[in-house]
Amino acid sequence: MPKKNKKNKQNEEPVTAQDELLNEESSNQQAQENTDTKKEDPAAIIAQLQEQVEHEKNKYLFLMADFENFRKRTLKEKADLIKNGAESAMRDLLPVVDDMERAIDAINKGGDIGSLKEGVDLIYSKFVKYLESQHVMPIESTGKDFDTDVHEAVTMFPASDPSMKGKVIDTTIKGYMINDKVLRHAKVVVGS
């Protein structure tokens, strides 16, 4: 194998100093052309960069305007929800009010006590069903352990039975929860 390399080297033309100078000049000329294309007029570069900055600034301003519009729109929608949030609740209460007015008219006319009691019971059951549909549930208190999370002690009363110590003896005002949150604490009498 080394013999072949020698033959190849022998067949190549000898490189002269003039050839080296020509190669060096052409590489210098190419390097100069590359730097000339990279070097542009500084004013043109500044103008191009200013144009890019202006373009980015406009995009930023449009984005900020869109965001501001979105923020205002969502605030308005939120305010409308708060303002009109009770609308459906109040609309569903109107039939109960109508029934109460009918009951008051019947009382004023001196109607049958039995039918009046029956009418008030119907109104009460309708109202309780409405509360349940709104996820409002009564808090069971009497006979349960006193719990400060759902009960408010009105008074302490000596318990007749020792097993009733620390338990609710009586409920003076019923408490209610809505979606597992206390809407109103139950006012209770606690055994001591």
C-alpha atoms as a PDB file:
ATOM      1  CA  MET A   1       0.000   0.000   0.000  1.00  0.00           C
ATOM      2  CA  PRO A   2       2.726   2.541   0.716  1.00  0.00           C
ATOM      3  CA  LYS A   3       3.976   2.118  -2.839  1.00  0.00           C
ATOM      4  CA  LYS A   4       0.719   3.306  -4.308  1.00  0.00           C
ATOM      5  CA  ASN A   5       0.815   6.455  -2.184  1.00  0.00           C
ATOM      6  CA  LYS A   6       4.252   7.258  -3.488  1.00  0.00           C
ATOM      7  CA  LYS A   7       3.090   6.875  -7.051  1.00  0.00           C
ATOM      8  CA  ASN A   8       0.112   9.160  -6.436  1.00  0.00           C
ATOM      9  CA  LYS A   9       2.339  11.803  -4.905  1.00  0.00           C
ATOM     10  CA  GLN A  10       4.697  11.560  -7.808  1.00  0.00           C
ATOM     11  CA  ASN A  11       1.898  11.982 -10.342  1.00  0.00           C
ATOM     12  CA  GLU A  12       0.657  15.201  -8.671  1.00  0.00           C
ATOM     13  CA  GLU A  13       1.931  18.469 -10.071  1.00  0.00           C
ATOM     14  CA  PRO A  14       4.343  20.307  -7.829  1.00  0.00           C
ATOM     15  CA  VAL A  15       2.866  23.336  -6.010  1.00  0.00           C
ATOM     16  CA  THR A  16       4.782  26.534  -6.648  1.00  0.00           C
ATOM     17  CA  ALA A  17       4.982  29.679  -4.513  1.00  0.00           C
ATOM     18  CA  GLN A  18       3.004  31.541  -7.158  1.00  0.00           C
ATOM     19  CA  ASP A  19       0.158  29.030  -6.871  1.00  0.00           C
ATOM     20  CA  GLU A  20       0.152  29.459  -3.097  1.00  0.00           C
ATOM     21  CA  LEU A  21      -0.061  33.236  -3.465  1.00  0.00           C
ATOM     22  CA  LEU A  22      -2.961  32.947  -5.907  1.00  0.00           C
ATOM     23  CA  ASN A  23      -4.827  30.600  -3.534  1.00  0.00           C
ATOM     24  CA  GLU A  24      -4.215  32.965  -0.620  1.00  0.00           C
ATOM     25  CA  GLU A  25      -5.444  35.987  -2.604  1.00  0.00           C
ATOM     26  CA  SER A  26      -8.632  34.235  -3.706  1.00  0.00           C
ATOM     27  CA  SER A  27      -9.419  33.196  -0.115  1.00  0.00           C
ATOM     28  CA  ASN A  28      -8.758  36.760   1.108  1.00  0.00           C
ATOM     29  CA  GLN A  29     -10.991  38.121  -1.647  1.00  0.00           C
ATOM     30  CA  GLN A  30     -13.809  35.751  -0.665  1.00  0.00           C
ATOM     31  CA  ALA A  31     -13.451  36.731   3.000  1.00  0.00           C
ATOM     32  CA  GLN A  32     -13.566  40.417   2.014  1.00  0.00           C
ATOM     33  CA  GLU A  33     -16.726  39.834  -0.051  1.00  0.00           C
ATOM     34  CA  ASN A  34     -18.368  38.052   2.889  1.00  0.00           C
ATOM     35  CA  THR A  35     -17.603  40.906   5.273  1.00  0.00           C
ATOM     36  CA  ASP A  36     -18.772  43.456   2.684  1.00  0.00           C
ATOM     37  CA  THR A  37     -22.154  41.762   2.429  1.00  0.00           C
ATOM     38  CA  LYS A  38     -22.397  41.630   6.222  1.00  0.00           C
ATOM     39  CA  LYS A  39     -21.450  45.294   6.573  1.00  0.00           C
ATOM     40  CA  GLU A  40     -24.382  47.390   5.562  1.00  0.00           C
ATOM     41  CA  ASP A  41     -25.044  51.003   6.020  1.00  0.00           C
ATOM     42  CA  PRO A  42     -25.551  51.646   9.779  1.00  0.00           C
ATOM     43  CA  ALA A  43     -28.459  53.978   9.010  1.00  0.00           C
ATOM     44  CA  ALA A  44     -30.198  51.163   7.125  1.00  0.00           C
ATOM     45  CA  ILE A  45     -29.667  48.784  10.040  1.00  0.00           C
ATOM     46  CA  ILE A  46     -31.039  51.360  12.499  1.00  0.00           C
ATOM     47  CA  ALA A  47     -34.053  52.007  10.271  1.00  0.00           C
ATOM     48  CA  GLN A  48     -34.715  48.279   9.992  1.00  0.00           C
ATOM     49  CA  LEU A  49     -34.455  47.815  13.760  1.00  0.00           C
ATOM     50  CA  GLN A  50     -36.720  50.810  14.401  1.00  0.00           C
ATOM     51  CA  GLU A  51     -39.267  49.324  12.022  1.00  0.00           C
ATOM     52  CA  GLN A  52     -39.127  46.020  13.911  1.00  0.00           C
ATOM     53  CA  VAL A  53     -39.502  47.815  17.248  1.00  0.00           C
ATOM     54  CA  GLU A  54     -42.488  49.796  15.919  1.00  0.00           C
ATOM     55  CA  HIS A  55     -44.079  46.574  14.621  1.00  0.00           C
ATOM     56  CA  GLU A  56     -43.599  44.833  18.000  1.00  0.00           C
ATOM     57  CA  LYS A  57     -44.888  47.924  19.830  1.00  0.00           C
ATOM     58  CA  ASN A  58     -48.065  47.909  17.705  1.00  0.00           C
ATOM     59  CA  LYS A  59     -48.595  44.198  18.386  1.00  0.00           C
ATOM     60  CA  TYR A  60     -48.160  44.864  22.102  1.00  0.00           C
ATOM     61  CA  LEU A  61     -50.631  47.761  22.055  1.00  0.00           C
ATOM     62  CA  PHE A  62     -53.244  45.693  20.192  1.00  0.00           C
ATOM     63  CA  LEU A  63     -52.755  42.859  22.666  1.00  0.00           C
ATOM     64  CA  MET A  64     -53.148  45.221  25.624  1.00  0.00           C
ATOM     65  CA  ALA A  65     -56.290  46.735  24.089  1.00  0.00           C
ATOM     66  CA  ASP A  66     -57.764  43.253  23.566  1.00  0.00           C
ATOM     67  CA  PHE A  67     -56.942  42.323  27.149  1.00  0.00           C
ATOM     68  CA  GLU A  68     -58.491  45.535  28.480  1.00  0.00           C
ATOM     69  CA  ASN A  69     -61.668  44.867  26.478  1.00  0.00           C
ATOM     70  CA  PHE A  70     -61.764  41.293  27.796  1.00  0.00           C
ATOM     71  CA  ARG A  71     -61.284  42.521  31.385  1.00  0.00           C
ATOM     72  CA  LYS A  72     -64.073  45.104  31.066  1.00  0.00           C
ATOM     73  CA  ARG A  73     -66.417  42.578  29.458  1.00  0.00           C
ATOM     74  CA  THR A  74     -65.848  39.967  32.182  1.00  0.00           C
ATOM     75  CA  LEU A  75     -66.313  42.577  34.925  1.00  0.00           C
ATOM     76  CA  LYS A  76     -69.605  43.641  33.338  1.00  0.00           C
ATOM     77  CA  GLU A  77     -70.751  40.013  33.031  1.00  0.00           C
ATOM     78  CA  LYS A  78     -69.795  39.365  36.659  1.00  0.00           C
ATOM     79  CA  ALA A  79     -71.680  42.468  37.805  1.00  0.00           C
ATOM     80  CA  ASP A  80     -74.734  41.351  35.822  1.00  0.00           C
ATOM     81  CA  LEU A  81     -74.565  37.897  37.406  1.00  0.00           C
ATOM     82  CA  ILE A  82     -74.389  39.385  40.875  1.00  0.00           C
ATOM     83  CA  LYS A  83     -77.152  41.873  40.126  1.00  0.00           C
ATOM     84  CA  ASN A  84     -79.486  39.320  38.558  1.00  0.00           C
ATOM     85  CA  GLY A  85     -78.295  36.224  40.434  1.00  0.00           C
ATOM     86  CA  ALA A  86     -81.291  36.184  42.709  1.00  0.00           C
ATOM     87  CA  GLU A  87     -83.717  36.575  39.796  1.00  0.00           C
ATOM     88  CA  SER A  88     -84.479  32.872  39.387  1.00  0.00           C
ATOM     89  CA  ALA A  89     -84.688  32.362  43.159  1.00  0.00           C
ATOM     90  CA  MET A  90     -87.183  35.189  43.504  1.00  0.00           C
ATOM     91  CA  ARG A  91     -89.193  34.014  40.481  1.00  0.00           C
ATOM     92  CA  ASP A  92     -89.565  30.583  42.090  1.00  0.00           C
ATOM     93  CA  LEU A  93     -90.750  32.184  45.344  1.00  0.00           C
ATOM     94  CA  LEU A  94     -93.615  34.068  43.694  1.00  0.00           C
ATOM     95  CA  PRO A  95     -96.024  31.074  43.719  1.00  0.00           C
ATOM     96  CA  VAL A  96     -95.458  30.743  47.477  1.00  0.00           C
ATOM     97  CA  VAL A  97     -96.275  34.446  47.907  1.00  0.00           C
ATOM     98  CA  ASP A  98     -99.441  33.947  45.840  1.00  0.00           C
ATOM     99  CA  ASP A  99    -100.483  31.072  48.084  1.00  0.00           C
ATOM    100  CA  MET A 100     -99.797  33.151  51.201  1.00  0.00           C
ATOM    101  CA  GLU A 101    -101.983  35.964  49.846  1.00  0.00           C
ATOM    102  CA  ARG A 102    -104.795  33.495  49.208  1.00  0.00           C
ATOM    103  CA  ALA A 103    -104.462  32.189  52.766  1.00  0.00           C
ATOM    104  CA  ILE A 104    -104.587  35.722  54.188  1.00  0.00           C
ATOM    105  CA  ASP A 105    -107.725  36.438  52.118  1.00  0.00           C
ATOM    106  CA  ALA A 106    -109.314  33.230  53.415  1.00  0.00           C
ATOM    107  CA  ILE A 107    -108.479  34.188  57.023  1.00  0.00           C
ATOM    108  CA  ASN A 108    -109.961  37.675  56.509  1.00  0.00           C
ATOM    109  CA  LYS A 109    -113.162  36.191  55.100  1.00  0.00           C
ATOM    110  CA  GLY A 110    -113.466  33.972  58.175  1.00  0.00           C
ATOM    111  CA  GLY A 111    -113.304  30.653  56.385  1.00  0.00           C
ATOM    112  CA  ASP A 112    -113.280  27.174  57.879  1.00  0.00           C
ATOM    113  CA  ILE A 113    -110.370  26.710  60.341  1.00  0.00           C
ATOM    114  CA  GLY A 114    -109.685  23.169  59.097  1.00  0.00           C
ATOM    115  CA  SER A 115    -109.332  24.271  55.479  1.00  0.00           C
ATOM    116  CA  LEU A 116    -107.150  27.240  56.558  1.00  0.00           C
ATOM    117  CA  LYS A 117    -104.839  24.898  58.467  1.00  0.00           C
ATOM    118  CA  GLU A 118    -104.685  22.581  55.465  1.00  0.00           C
ATOM    119  CA  GLY A 119    -103.882  25.538  53.152  1.00  0.00           C
ATOM    120  CA  VAL A 120    -101.079  26.791  55.424  1.00  0.00           C
ATOM    121  CA  ASP A 121     -99.639  23.254  55.594  1.00  0.00           C
ATOM    122  CA  LEU A 122     -99.659  23.088  51.780  1.00  0.00           C
ATOM    123  CA  ILE A 123     -97.901  26.448  51.556  1.00  0.00           C
ATOM    124  CA  TYR A 124     -95.312  25.309  54.095  1.00  0.00           C
ATOM    125  CA  SER A 125     -94.636  22.033  52.245  1.00  0.00           C
ATOM    126  CA  LYS A 126     -94.343  23.923  48.938  1.00  0.00           C
ATOM    127  CA  PHE A 127     -91.859  26.334  50.493  1.00  0.00           C
ATOM    128  CA  VAL A 128     -89.800  23.501  52.040  1.00  0.00           C
ATOM    129  CA  LYS A 129     -89.659  21.765  48.640  1.00  0.00           C
ATOM    130  CA  TYR A 130     -88.467  25.008  47.112  1.00  0.00           C
ATOM    131  CA  LEU A 131     -85.709  25.304  49.730  1.00  0.00           C
ATOM    132  CA  GLU A 132     -84.649  21.716  49.047  1.00  0.00           C
ATOM    133  CA  SER A 133     -84.469  22.467  45.314  1.00  0.00           C
ATOM    134  CA  GLN A 134     -82.078  25.314  46.214  1.00  0.00           C
ATOM    135  CA  HIS A 135     -79.990  22.847  48.293  1.00  0.00           C
ATOM    136  CA  VAL A 136     -81.066  24.448  51.589  1.00  0.00           C
ATOM    137  CA  MET A 137     -81.443  21.775  54.259  1.00  0.00           C
ATOM    138  CA  PRO A 138     -82.380  22.061  57.941  1.00  0.00           C
ATOM    139  CA  ILE A 139     -79.752  21.226  60.557  1.00  0.00           C
ATOM    140  CA  GLU A 140     -80.830  18.351  62.788  1.00  0.00           C
ATOM    141  CA  SER A 141     -80.124  19.520  66.336  1.00  0.00           C
ATOM    142  CA  THR A 142     -82.305  18.168  69.152  1.00  0.00           C
ATOM    143  CA  GLY A 143     -80.712  15.093  70.729  1.00  0.00           C
ATOM    144  CA  LYS A 144     -77.412  15.569  68.836  1.00  0.00           C
ATOM    145  CA  ASP A 145     -74.020  16.414  70.324  1.00  0.00           C
ATOM    146  CA  PHE A 146     -73.420  20.156  70.621  1.00  0.00           C
ATOM    147  CA  ASP A 147     -71.258  21.258  67.665  1.00  0.00           C
ATOM    148  CA  THR A 148     -70.031  24.856  67.573  1.00  0.00           C
ATOM    149  CA  ASP A 149     -69.690  24.635  63.785  1.00  0.00           C
ATOM    150  CA  VAL A 150     -73.465  24.389  63.318  1.00  0.00           C
ATOM    151  CA  HIS A 151     -74.978  25.252  66.695  1.00  0.00           C
ATOM    152  CA  GLU A 152     -75.134  28.440  68.732  1.00  0.00           C
ATOM    153  CA  ALA A 153     -75.813  27.895  72.419  1.00  0.00           C
ATOM    154  CA  VAL A 154     -78.506  30.215  73.712  1.00  0.00           C
ATOM    155  CA  THR A 155     -78.378  28.819  77.236  1.00  0.00           C
ATOM    156  CA  MET A 156     -77.172  25.896  79.315  1.00  0.00           C
ATOM    157  CA  PHE A 157     -79.799  23.900  81.163  1.00  0.00           C
ATOM    158  CA  PRO A 158     -79.306  21.117  83.697  1.00  0.00           C
ATOM    159  CA  ALA A 159     -80.002  17.841  81.955  1.00  0.00           C
ATOM    160  CA  SER A 160     -82.525  15.507  83.556  1.00  0.00           C
ATOM    161  CA  ASP A 161     -80.643  12.530  82.123  1.00  0.00           C
ATOM    162  CA  PRO A 162     -76.829  12.311  82.572  1.00  0.00           C
ATOM    163  CA  SER A 163     -76.532  11.026  78.986  1.00  0.00           C
ATOM    164  CA  MET A 164     -77.801  14.427  77.740  1.00  0.00           C
ATOM    165  CA  LYS A 165     -74.795  16.347  79.102  1.00  0.00           C
ATOM    166  CA  GLY A 166     -73.130  18.212  76.211  1.00  0.00           C
ATOM    167  CA  LYS A 167     -76.056  17.424  73.942  1.00  0.00           C
ATOM    168  CA  VAL A 168     -78.761  19.651  72.501  1.00  0.00           C
ATOM    169  CA  ILE A 169     -81.876  19.496  74.687  1.00  0.00           C
ATOM    170  CA  ASP A 170     -84.034  21.888  72.671  1.00  0.00           C
ATOM    171  CA  THR A 171     -83.825  23.924  69.461  1.00  0.00           C
ATOM    172  CA  THR A 172     -85.215  27.442  69.802  1.00  0.00           C
ATOM    173  CA  ILE A 173     -84.506  28.490  66.194  1.00  0.00           C
ATOM    174  CA  LYS A 174     -83.847  25.936  63.471  1.00  0.00           C
ATOM    175  CA  GLY A 175     -80.562  26.253  61.573  1.00  0.00           C
ATOM    176  CA  TYR A 176     -80.044  25.709  57.854  1.00  0.00           C
ATOM    177  CA  MET A 177     -77.204  24.694  55.564  1.00  0.00           C
ATOM    178  CA  ILE A 178     -76.746  25.400  51.891  1.00  0.00           C
ATOM    179  CA  ASN A 179     -74.393  23.155  49.905  1.00  0.00           C
ATOM    180  CA  ASP A 180     -72.664  21.922  53.100  1.00  0.00           C
ATOM    181  CA  LYS A 181     -72.139  25.500  54.328  1.00  0.00           C
ATOM    182  CA  VAL A 182     -73.950  26.945  57.346  1.00  0.00           C
ATOM    183  CA  LEU A 183     -76.561  29.435  56.183  1.00  0.00           C
ATOM    184  CA  ARG A 184     -77.848  30.063  59.705  1.00  0.00           C
ATOM    185  CA  HIS A 185     -76.642  28.485  62.950  1.00  0.00           C
ATOM    186  CA  ALA A 186     -79.221  26.628  64.980  1.00  0.00           C
ATOM    187  CA  LYS A 187     -79.939  28.379  68.279  1.00  0.00           C
ATOM    188  CA  VAL A 188     -80.062  25.635  70.866  1.00  0.00           C
ATOM    189  CA  VAL A 189     -80.307  24.839  74.574  1.00  0.00           C
ATOM    190  CA  VAL A 190     -77.434  22.615  75.714  1.00  0.00           C
ATOM    191  CA  GLY A 191     -77.573  20.164  78.596  1.00  0.00           C
ATOM    192  CA  SER A 192     -75.106  20.643  81.429  1.00  0.00           C
END
